[in-house]
């Protein structure tokens, strides 16, 4: 691959789109294909209701679990497990980024974390009745590994696309992810619907779905790693650093020089906590509050994946015309409408649930893909993995404030409807913070050249 003179900031080079770069981009897209099944089949569809069900079976007459001396409502167990995994990621992900930037061994790190996460996901097959602690432990390992691998994966974006291309490249990768997630989820839906005829219980079918998600993730990661390549470390200070901890400490001190980048991270933390909580706990809400069957839920999630393919690509094109920030702000308004509508959904109303799921499909991919590319404009050259480490703390199923708010609201009120509508505050606060950010000045202060439209 050849490069042209820098237009992205000091120390970077604009990639020329030749055959080698197209091949590497395809490899990069393929990891979205590989990992998205963890978000769809595991975190969003099957694990929440399954873990809640086996926790409720293991609970005492008061429907509570005893864990580390605490009395926990079984219905809140999954949301607390999700929050715990993210609290651990607060320590792991920034350090992962520091090591990746210091060593430049991104291919090896992506492979290691992805294979560990895939293995833990596959082992969820063995978390049968009474295995609520085993399932929780395996999910924590898988989710931390998922986040760490994603940090490294995201950090390739500035190397693969110059500023005006990143919205399109990021959206294309997200679309690949939705295609992969939809294909495997369709197979899983068929398996769950055919469980009786195959001589399986629903629980056994779900465990097979969880295990095959891990196998899919690991197998396609091999394809990704074979096409991506490491690049020389651009940050001289990172090369001289003796450890990832020291490099991380240096970056934390230096981040104070980029307050507008931190402003964006704060806005993203707020609204993405809401997005991720809706994605992660929608299955629990649908089953426990709306009393919908697992087959209805899986069908709705499958529809979301299909609609989201067009949504991600369509919002990516809108970003090229109106700017990524404006499109993200419009998406946040739509998310607020989704939560208000969810509060009023009638129990057992399948058509209403599908209609709401279609709206989620339109805005979900665009919100995340454009946030990813927008943040890439705000990162100082050579610090991509480290900054994406902080970014990923609240990305794709790794938020903790939202699940914690959801779980606490349910614990205090016993109402899943109040729990779901409590998430509106995250979208409102995130919208206000992003709308007030002087985005073009933020790009310039990070040492980068702004794209034509922001």
Protein backbone atom coordinates (compact mmCIF):
# COMPACT_ATOMS: atom_id res chain seq x y z
CA UNK A 1 0.00 0.00 0.00
CA UNK A 2 1.28 3.47 -0.85
CA UNK A 3 0.55 6.67 1.01
CA UNK A 4 0.12 10.29 0.11
CA UNK A 5 1.27 13.31 2.07
CA UNK A 6 -0.52 13.88 5.33
CA UNK A 7 -3.92 15.51 5.44
CA UNK A 8 -5.02 14.01 8.70
CA UNK A 9 -2.58 15.51 11.13
CA UNK A 10 1.04 15.49 12.10
CA UNK A 11 2.72 12.15 11.83
CA UNK A 12 -0.02 10.46 9.80
CA UNK A 13 -0.27 9.57 6.14
CA UNK A 14 -3.34 9.47 3.97
CA UNK A 15 -3.82 5.94 2.60
CA UNK A 16 -4.07 5.65 -1.18
CA UNK A 17 -6.87 3.28 -2.15
CA UNK A 18 -4.95 0.61 -4.05
CA UNK A 19 -5.49 -3.14 -4.23
CA UNK A 20 -3.60 -3.81 -1.00
CA UNK A 21 -5.65 -1.28 0.94
CA UNK A 22 -8.93 -2.62 -0.45
CA UNK A 23 -7.88 -6.10 0.65
CA UNK A 24 -7.03 -4.85 4.12
CA UNK A 25 -10.28 -2.90 4.38
CA UNK A 26 -12.20 -6.06 3.51
CA UNK A 27 -10.35 -7.87 6.28
CA UNK A 28 -11.27 -5.05 8.66
CA UNK A 29 -14.93 -5.22 7.64
CA UNK A 30 -14.88 -8.97 8.21
CA UNK A 31 -14.17 -8.58 11.92
CA UNK A 32 -17.47 -6.74 12.33
CA UNK A 33 -18.99 -9.78 10.63
CA UNK A 34 -17.19 -12.08 13.09
CA UNK A 35 -17.84 -10.28 16.38
CA UNK A 36 -21.38 -8.99 15.82
CA UNK A 37 -22.89 -12.37 16.65
CA UNK A 38 -21.75 -11.84 20.24
CA UNK A 39 -23.84 -8.68 20.43
CA UNK A 40 -26.87 -10.14 18.66
CA UNK A 41 -27.26 -13.79 19.59
CA UNK A 42 -25.48 -13.67 22.97
CA UNK A 43 -25.87 -10.28 24.67
CA UNK A 44 -29.06 -9.04 23.02
CA UNK A 45 -31.20 -12.14 22.41
CA UNK A 46 -30.39 -15.28 24.33
CA UNK A 47 -28.16 -14.76 27.34
CA UNK A 48 -30.27 -12.15 29.18
CA UNK A 49 -33.51 -14.14 29.30
CA UNK A 50 -31.65 -17.45 29.75
CA UNK A 51 -29.48 -16.22 32.61
CA UNK A 52 -32.51 -14.56 34.22
CA UNK A 53 -34.48 -17.82 33.92
CA UNK A 54 -31.82 -20.04 35.50
CA UNK A 55 -31.25 -17.41 38.19
CA UNK A 56 -34.99 -17.36 38.99
CA UNK A 57 -35.01 -21.17 39.16
CA UNK A 58 -32.11 -21.09 41.59
CA UNK A 59 -33.62 -18.31 43.73
CA UNK A 60 -35.31 -18.91 47.05
CA UNK A 61 -39.02 -18.52 47.80
CA UNK A 62 -38.52 -14.74 47.98
CA UNK A 63 -37.17 -14.78 44.36
CA UNK A 64 -33.80 -13.52 45.50
CA UNK A 65 -30.26 -14.83 45.12
CA UNK A 66 -27.54 -14.86 47.75
CA UNK A 67 -24.23 -13.70 46.30
CA UNK A 68 -21.21 -12.55 48.35
CA UNK A 69 -23.49 -11.90 51.29
CA UNK A 70 -25.86 -9.74 49.23
CA UNK A 71 -29.53 -10.39 48.56
CA UNK A 72 -30.17 -9.79 44.86
CA UNK A 73 -33.44 -9.89 42.94
CA UNK A 74 -33.14 -12.66 40.36
CA UNK A 75 -34.69 -10.39 37.74
CA UNK A 76 -31.79 -7.94 38.17
CA UNK A 77 -29.01 -10.54 38.02
CA UNK A 78 -28.11 -10.15 34.33
CA UNK A 79 -28.03 -6.35 34.46
CA UNK A 80 -25.71 -6.50 37.48
CA UNK A 81 -23.44 -9.03 35.76
CA UNK A 82 -23.27 -6.76 32.72
CA UNK A 83 -22.39 -3.79 34.92
CA UNK A 84 -19.69 -5.79 36.75
CA UNK A 85 -18.02 -6.78 33.48
CA UNK A 86 -17.78 -3.14 32.48
CA UNK A 87 -16.37 -2.00 35.80
CA UNK A 88 -13.53 -4.45 35.15
CA UNK A 89 -13.18 -3.10 31.62
CA UNK A 90 -12.51 0.35 33.07
CA UNK A 91 -9.17 -1.10 34.18
CA UNK A 92 -8.47 -3.41 31.24
CA UNK A 93 -9.42 -1.47 28.10
CA UNK A 94 -7.29 1.69 28.45
CA UNK A 95 -4.29 -0.50 29.35
CA UNK A 96 -5.00 -2.63 26.28
CA UNK A 97 -4.88 0.47 24.11
CA UNK A 98 -1.62 1.64 25.71
CA UNK A 99 0.08 -1.70 25.06
CA UNK A 100 -1.20 -1.77 21.47
CA UNK A 101 0.13 1.72 20.72
CA UNK A 102 3.44 1.07 22.49
CA UNK A 103 4.21 -2.27 20.84
CA UNK A 104 2.46 -1.93 17.48
CA UNK A 105 1.50 -5.63 17.71
CA UNK A 106 -2.16 -5.07 16.99
CA UNK A 107 -2.70 -8.21 14.91
CA UNK A 108 -1.45 -10.45 17.70
CA UNK A 109 -3.49 -8.64 20.34
CA UNK A 110 -6.68 -8.72 18.26
CA UNK A 111 -6.25 -12.45 17.71
CA UNK A 112 -5.53 -13.20 21.37
CA UNK A 113 -8.47 -11.32 22.83
CA UNK A 114 -10.90 -12.47 20.15
CA UNK A 115 -10.00 -16.14 20.57
CA UNK A 116 -10.26 -15.90 24.37
CA UNK A 117 -13.69 -14.29 24.11
CA UNK A 118 -14.81 -16.83 21.54
CA UNK A 119 -13.70 -19.70 23.79
CA UNK A 120 -15.54 -18.32 26.83
CA UNK A 121 -18.67 -17.85 24.72
CA UNK A 122 -18.48 -21.40 23.40
CA UNK A 123 -18.16 -22.74 26.96
CA UNK A 124 -21.51 -21.15 27.86
CA UNK A 125 -22.94 -24.38 26.44
CA UNK A 126 -22.04 -26.05 29.74
CA UNK A 127 -23.95 -23.54 31.89
CA UNK A 128 -27.13 -25.53 32.27
CA UNK A 129 -29.69 -25.59 35.08
CA UNK A 130 -28.21 -24.24 38.28
CA UNK A 131 -25.27 -22.75 36.38
CA UNK A 132 -26.09 -19.10 36.97
CA UNK A 133 -22.69 -18.41 38.53
CA UNK A 134 -20.78 -20.29 35.79
CA UNK A 135 -22.70 -18.45 33.07
CA UNK A 136 -22.05 -15.12 34.76
CA UNK A 137 -18.31 -15.80 35.07
CA UNK A 138 -17.95 -16.92 31.46
CA UNK A 139 -19.89 -13.89 30.22
CA UNK A 140 -17.65 -11.52 32.21
CA UNK A 141 -14.55 -13.06 30.57
CA UNK A 142 -16.17 -12.99 27.13
CA UNK A 143 -17.39 -9.41 27.43
CA UNK A 144 -14.03 -8.10 28.67
CA UNK A 145 -12.28 -9.92 25.81
CA UNK A 146 -14.85 -8.58 23.35
CA UNK A 147 -14.18 -5.03 24.51
CA UNK A 148 -10.39 -5.40 24.43
CA UNK A 149 -10.44 -6.86 20.92
CA UNK A 150 -12.74 -4.08 19.77
CA UNK A 151 -10.35 -1.40 21.09
CA UNK A 152 -7.59 -2.80 18.89
CA UNK A 153 -9.94 -3.27 15.93
CA UNK A 154 -11.25 0.30 16.03
CA UNK A 155 -7.72 1.73 16.14
CA UNK A 156 -7.12 0.62 12.53
CA UNK A 157 -9.72 3.06 11.15
CA UNK A 158 -7.42 6.12 10.81
CA UNK A 159 -4.89 3.94 8.95
CA UNK A 160 -7.50 2.65 6.50
CA UNK A 161 -9.36 5.83 5.56
CA UNK A 162 -8.59 9.54 5.28
CA UNK A 163 -10.88 11.99 7.13
CA UNK A 164 -13.57 12.44 4.47
CA UNK A 165 -13.82 8.66 3.94
CA UNK A 166 -14.15 7.51 7.52
CA UNK A 167 -17.92 7.88 7.88
CA UNK A 168 -18.44 5.70 4.80
CA UNK A 169 -15.81 3.11 5.75
CA UNK A 170 -17.07 2.87 9.33
CA UNK A 171 -20.69 2.54 8.17
CA UNK A 172 -19.72 -0.15 5.67
CA UNK A 173 -18.03 -2.16 8.41
CA UNK A 174 -21.11 -1.88 10.58
CA UNK A 175 -23.27 -3.07 7.71
CA UNK A 176 -21.04 -6.15 7.33
CA UNK A 177 -21.61 -6.83 11.00
CA UNK A 178 -25.36 -6.69 10.63
CA UNK A 179 -25.28 -9.11 7.70
CA UNK A 180 -23.22 -11.61 9.68
CA UNK A 181 -25.34 -11.22 12.79
CA UNK A 182 -28.54 -11.62 10.80
CA UNK A 183 -27.39 -14.80 9.04
CA UNK A 184 -26.42 -16.65 12.21
CA UNK A 185 -29.43 -15.32 14.10
CA UNK A 186 -31.70 -16.69 11.36
CA UNK A 187 -30.14 -20.12 11.91
CA UNK A 188 -30.60 -19.74 15.67
CA UNK A 189 -34.23 -18.73 15.22
CA UNK A 190 -34.84 -21.86 13.16
CA UNK A 191 -33.17 -23.98 15.83
CA UNK A 192 -35.23 -22.53 18.68
CA UNK A 193 -38.49 -22.87 16.73
CA UNK A 194 -37.65 -26.46 15.81
CA UNK A 195 -36.37 -27.49 19.24
CA UNK A 196 -39.28 -29.82 20.02
CA UNK A 197 -39.09 -31.63 16.69
CA UNK A 198 -35.34 -32.07 17.17
CA UNK A 199 -35.81 -33.56 20.61
CA UNK A 200 -34.33 -30.53 22.38
CA UNK A 201 -35.65 -28.41 25.21
CA UNK A 202 -35.67 -24.65 24.69
CA UNK A 203 -32.83 -24.34 27.19
CA UNK A 204 -30.70 -26.85 25.27
CA UNK A 205 -31.39 -25.02 22.01
CA UNK A 206 -30.36 -21.72 23.57
CA UNK A 207 -27.12 -23.25 24.86
CA UNK A 208 -26.33 -24.47 21.34
CA UNK A 209 -26.97 -20.97 20.02
CA UNK A 210 -24.56 -19.51 22.56
CA UNK A 211 -21.85 -22.05 21.73
CA UNK A 212 -22.12 -21.65 17.96
CA UNK A 213 -21.85 -17.88 18.39
CA UNK A 214 -18.45 -18.41 19.98
CA UNK A 215 -17.37 -20.76 17.21
CA UNK A 216 -18.47 -18.26 14.54
CA UNK A 217 -16.59 -15.42 16.26
CA UNK A 218 -13.37 -17.42 16.49
CA UNK A 219 -13.48 -18.89 12.98
CA UNK A 220 -13.98 -15.63 11.11
CA UNK A 221 -11.37 -13.88 13.26
CA UNK A 222 -8.81 -16.09 11.52
CA UNK A 223 -9.82 -14.51 8.18
CA UNK A 224 -9.55 -11.00 9.62
CA UNK A 225 -6.12 -11.48 11.15
CA UNK A 226 -4.78 -12.92 7.88
CA UNK A 227 -5.51 -9.63 6.07
CA UNK A 228 -4.76 -6.89 8.56
CA UNK A 229 -1.16 -5.78 9.06
CA UNK A 230 0.78 -4.08 11.80
CA UNK A 231 2.21 -0.61 11.28
CA UNK A 232 5.27 1.11 12.75
CA UNK A 233 4.68 2.88 16.05
CA UNK A 234 4.31 6.60 15.28
CA UNK A 235 4.53 7.95 18.84
CA UNK A 236 8.21 8.21 19.83
CA UNK A 237 7.32 8.54 23.52
CA UNK A 238 5.33 5.30 23.34
CA UNK A 239 8.33 3.46 21.92
CA UNK A 240 10.52 4.72 24.76
CA UNK A 241 7.96 3.79 27.43
CA UNK A 242 8.99 0.73 29.40
CA UNK A 243 5.50 -0.53 30.15
CA UNK A 244 1.87 -0.20 29.18
CA UNK A 245 1.10 1.22 32.62
CA UNK A 246 3.66 4.02 32.19
CA UNK A 247 2.40 4.76 28.68
CA UNK A 248 -1.18 4.88 29.97
CA UNK A 249 -0.17 7.27 32.74
CA UNK A 250 1.50 9.54 30.17
CA UNK A 251 -1.58 9.53 27.97
CA UNK A 252 -3.86 10.34 30.91
CA UNK A 253 -1.74 13.39 31.71
CA UNK A 254 -1.66 14.48 28.08
CA UNK A 255 -5.43 14.11 27.60
CA UNK A 256 -5.93 17.26 29.66
CA UNK A 257 -4.47 19.16 26.69
CA UNK A 258 -7.44 18.03 24.57
CA UNK A 259 -10.50 19.10 26.58
CA UNK A 260 -12.82 19.04 23.56
CA UNK A 261 -11.91 15.42 22.85
CA UNK A 262 -12.78 14.64 26.46
CA UNK A 263 -16.01 16.59 25.99
CA UNK A 264 -16.97 14.29 23.13
CA UNK A 265 -16.12 11.24 25.24
CA UNK A 266 -18.39 12.52 27.99
CA UNK A 267 -21.27 13.07 25.56
CA UNK A 268 -20.71 9.64 24.02
CA UNK A 269 -20.57 8.00 27.45
CA UNK A 270 -24.01 9.41 28.21
CA UNK A 271 -25.96 8.61 25.06
CA UNK A 272 -24.19 5.35 24.32
CA UNK A 273 -24.97 4.07 27.82
CA UNK A 274 -28.60 4.46 26.81
CA UNK A 275 -28.10 2.79 23.42
CA UNK A 276 -26.25 -0.18 24.87
CA UNK A 277 -28.71 -0.69 27.69
CA UNK A 278 -31.64 -0.77 25.27
CA UNK A 279 -29.79 -3.29 23.09
CA UNK A 280 -28.65 -5.47 25.99
CA UNK A 281 -31.84 -5.50 28.07
CA UNK A 282 -34.56 -5.28 25.41
CA UNK A 283 -34.84 -9.06 25.45
CA UNK A 284 -35.38 -9.10 29.20
CA UNK A 285 -38.01 -6.34 28.89
CA UNK A 286 -39.83 -8.14 26.09
CA UNK A 287 -39.97 -11.48 27.90
CA UNK A 288 -40.56 -10.34 31.48
CA UNK A 289 -42.83 -7.31 30.96
CA UNK A 290 -44.44 -7.74 27.54
CA UNK A 291 -44.75 -11.53 27.95
CA UNK A 292 -43.55 -12.19 24.42
CA UNK A 293 -42.31 -15.62 23.36
CA UNK A 294 -38.63 -16.20 22.67
CA UNK A 295 -39.46 -16.87 19.01
CA UNK A 296 -41.16 -13.46 18.69
CA UNK A 297 -38.19 -11.76 20.30
CA UNK A 298 -35.67 -13.55 18.10
CA UNK A 299 -37.68 -12.71 14.99
CA UNK A 300 -37.76 -9.03 15.98
CA UNK A 301 -34.02 -8.95 16.57
CA UNK A 302 -33.49 -10.66 13.19
CA UNK A 303 -35.62 -7.98 11.56
CA UNK A 304 -33.56 -5.29 13.30
CA UNK A 305 -30.39 -6.77 11.82
CA UNK A 306 -31.81 -6.70 8.30
CA UNK A 307 -33.23 -3.18 8.60
CA UNK A 308 -30.02 -1.96 10.21
CA UNK A 309 -27.98 -2.91 7.14
CA UNK A 310 -29.83 -0.29 5.12
CA UNK A 311 -29.94 2.03 8.14
CA UNK A 312 -26.16 2.03 8.62
CA UNK A 313 -25.44 2.59 4.94
CA UNK A 314 -28.23 5.15 4.57
CA UNK A 315 -27.19 7.23 7.59
CA UNK A 316 -23.60 7.00 6.39
CA UNK A 317 -24.67 8.65 3.12
CA UNK A 318 -26.62 11.30 5.01
CA UNK A 319 -23.47 12.04 7.00
CA UNK A 320 -21.63 12.66 3.75
CA UNK A 321 -24.23 15.28 2.88
CA UNK A 322 -25.08 16.87 6.24
CA UNK A 323 -22.20 15.87 8.53
CA UNK A 324 -21.87 13.04 11.04
CA UNK A 325 -22.73 15.10 14.11
CA UNK A 326 -26.06 16.32 12.73
CA UNK A 327 -27.06 12.78 11.78
CA UNK A 328 -26.11 11.43 15.23
CA UNK A 329 -28.15 14.19 16.92
CA UNK A 330 -31.18 13.29 14.79
CA UNK A 331 -30.73 9.64 15.74
CA UNK A 332 -30.75 10.52 19.45
CA UNK A 333 -34.13 12.21 19.05
CA UNK A 334 -35.41 8.99 17.50
CA UNK A 335 -34.02 6.95 20.43
CA UNK A 336 -35.93 9.13 22.90
CA UNK A 337 -39.11 8.45 20.94
CA UNK A 338 -38.37 4.71 21.05
CA UNK A 339 -38.17 4.66 24.85
CA UNK A 340 -41.36 6.67 25.31
CA UNK A 341 -43.17 4.33 22.92
CA UNK A 342 -41.73 1.27 24.72
CA UNK A 343 -43.25 2.46 28.00
CA UNK A 344 -46.72 2.39 26.44
CA UNK A 345 -46.42 -0.91 24.55
CA UNK A 346 -49.29 -3.25 25.39
CA UNK A 347 -48.54 -6.64 26.89
CA UNK A 348 -48.46 -9.29 24.19
CA UNK A 349 -48.71 -6.74 21.35
CA UNK A 350 -46.45 -8.40 18.78
CA UNK A 351 -47.17 -5.95 15.93
CA UNK A 352 -46.37 -2.94 18.11
CA UNK A 353 -43.14 -4.54 19.24
CA UNK A 354 -42.08 -5.25 15.64
CA UNK A 355 -42.86 -1.66 14.59
CA UNK A 356 -40.69 -0.30 17.37
CA UNK A 357 -37.94 -2.75 16.51
CA UNK A 358 -37.94 -1.47 12.92
CA UNK A 359 -37.30 2.09 14.13
CA UNK A 360 -34.44 0.84 16.29
CA UNK A 361 -32.99 -0.92 13.26
CA UNK A 362 -32.91 2.30 11.25
CA UNK A 363 -31.06 4.37 13.86
CA UNK A 364 -28.97 1.80 15.72
CA UNK A 365 -26.17 1.19 13.23
CA UNK A 366 -25.86 4.79 12.14
CA UNK A 367 -25.60 6.09 15.69
CA UNK A 368 -22.72 3.76 16.47
CA UNK A 369 -20.88 3.75 13.14
CA UNK A 370 -20.88 7.55 12.87
CA UNK A 371 -19.86 8.00 16.50
CA UNK A 372 -16.90 5.70 15.83
CA UNK A 373 -15.75 7.64 12.77
CA UNK A 374 -16.45 11.03 14.37
CA UNK A 375 -14.25 10.16 17.34
CA UNK A 376 -11.41 9.11 15.02
CA UNK A 377 -11.16 12.76 13.94
CA UNK A 378 -10.50 13.84 17.55
CA UNK A 379 -7.57 11.52 18.38
CA UNK A 380 -3.95 12.78 18.35
CA UNK A 381 -1.81 10.81 15.89
CA UNK A 382 -0.24 7.66 17.32
CA UNK A 383 -2.71 7.41 20.22
CA UNK A 384 -5.54 5.63 18.40
CA UNK A 385 -5.73 2.44 20.45
CA UNK A 386 -5.35 4.24 23.77
CA UNK A 387 -8.12 6.72 23.03
CA UNK A 388 -10.36 3.98 21.68
CA UNK A 389 -9.72 2.17 24.95
CA UNK A 390 -11.54 4.95 26.77
CA UNK A 391 -14.13 5.11 24.00
CA UNK A 392 -14.87 1.39 24.19
CA UNK A 393 -15.56 1.51 27.93
CA UNK A 394 -19.10 2.56 27.06
CA UNK A 395 -19.36 0.99 23.60
CA UNK A 396 -21.47 -1.92 22.18
CA UNK A 397 -22.86 -3.80 25.17
CA UNK A 398 -20.18 -2.55 27.60
CA UNK A 399 -22.01 0.33 29.32
CA UNK A 400 -22.56 0.17 33.06
CA UNK A 401 -24.49 3.25 34.16
CA UNK A 402 -27.51 2.32 32.04
CA UNK A 403 -27.79 -1.31 33.20
CA UNK A 404 -27.20 -0.18 36.78
CA UNK A 405 -30.00 2.41 36.50
CA UNK A 406 -32.28 -0.18 34.91
CA UNK A 407 -31.54 -2.76 37.60
CA UNK A 408 -31.91 -0.34 40.49
CA UNK A 409 -35.16 1.07 39.13
CA UNK A 410 -36.59 -2.43 38.85
CA UNK A 411 -35.30 -3.36 42.29
CA UNK A 412 -36.94 -0.29 43.85
CA UNK A 413 -40.21 -0.28 41.90
CA UNK A 414 -40.69 -3.82 40.62
CA UNK A 415 -41.65 -2.28 37.24
CA UNK A 416 -39.80 -3.00 34.02
CA UNK A 417 -41.73 -0.16 32.34
CA UNK A 418 -40.34 2.41 34.74
CA UNK A 419 -36.91 0.81 34.35
CA UNK A 420 -36.94 1.19 30.55
CA UNK A 421 -38.24 4.77 30.53
CA UNK A 422 -35.62 5.79 33.12
CA UNK A 423 -33.05 5.54 30.32
CA UNK A 424 -34.41 8.68 28.60
CA UNK A 425 -32.16 10.82 30.77
CA UNK A 426 -29.04 9.36 29.12
CA UNK A 427 -30.20 10.31 25.62
CA UNK A 428 -31.30 13.80 26.62
CA UNK A 429 -28.05 14.56 28.45
CA UNK A 430 -25.95 13.11 25.62
CA UNK A 431 -27.85 15.12 23.01
CA UNK A 432 -27.29 18.39 24.88
CA UNK A 433 -23.58 17.69 25.43
CA UNK A 434 -22.95 16.75 21.77
CA UNK A 435 -24.98 19.68 20.43
CA UNK A 436 -22.90 22.15 22.47
CA UNK A 437 -19.52 20.72 21.36
CA UNK A 438 -17.58 22.94 18.88
CA UNK A 439 -16.69 19.92 16.79
CA UNK A 440 -14.55 21.55 14.07
CA UNK A 441 -12.39 23.29 16.65
CA UNK A 442 -12.06 19.98 18.50
CA UNK A 443 -10.61 18.30 15.38
CA UNK A 444 -8.10 21.10 14.83
CA UNK A 445 -7.00 21.14 18.48
CA UNK A 446 -6.29 17.39 18.23
CA UNK A 447 -3.82 18.19 15.43
CA UNK A 448 -5.97 16.84 12.61
CA UNK A 449 -7.47 18.29 9.44
CA UNK A 450 -11.30 18.44 9.61
CA UNK A 451 -13.28 16.72 6.86
CA UNK A 452 -15.37 18.93 4.61
CA UNK A 453 -18.56 18.11 6.54
CA UNK A 454 -18.80 17.39 10.25
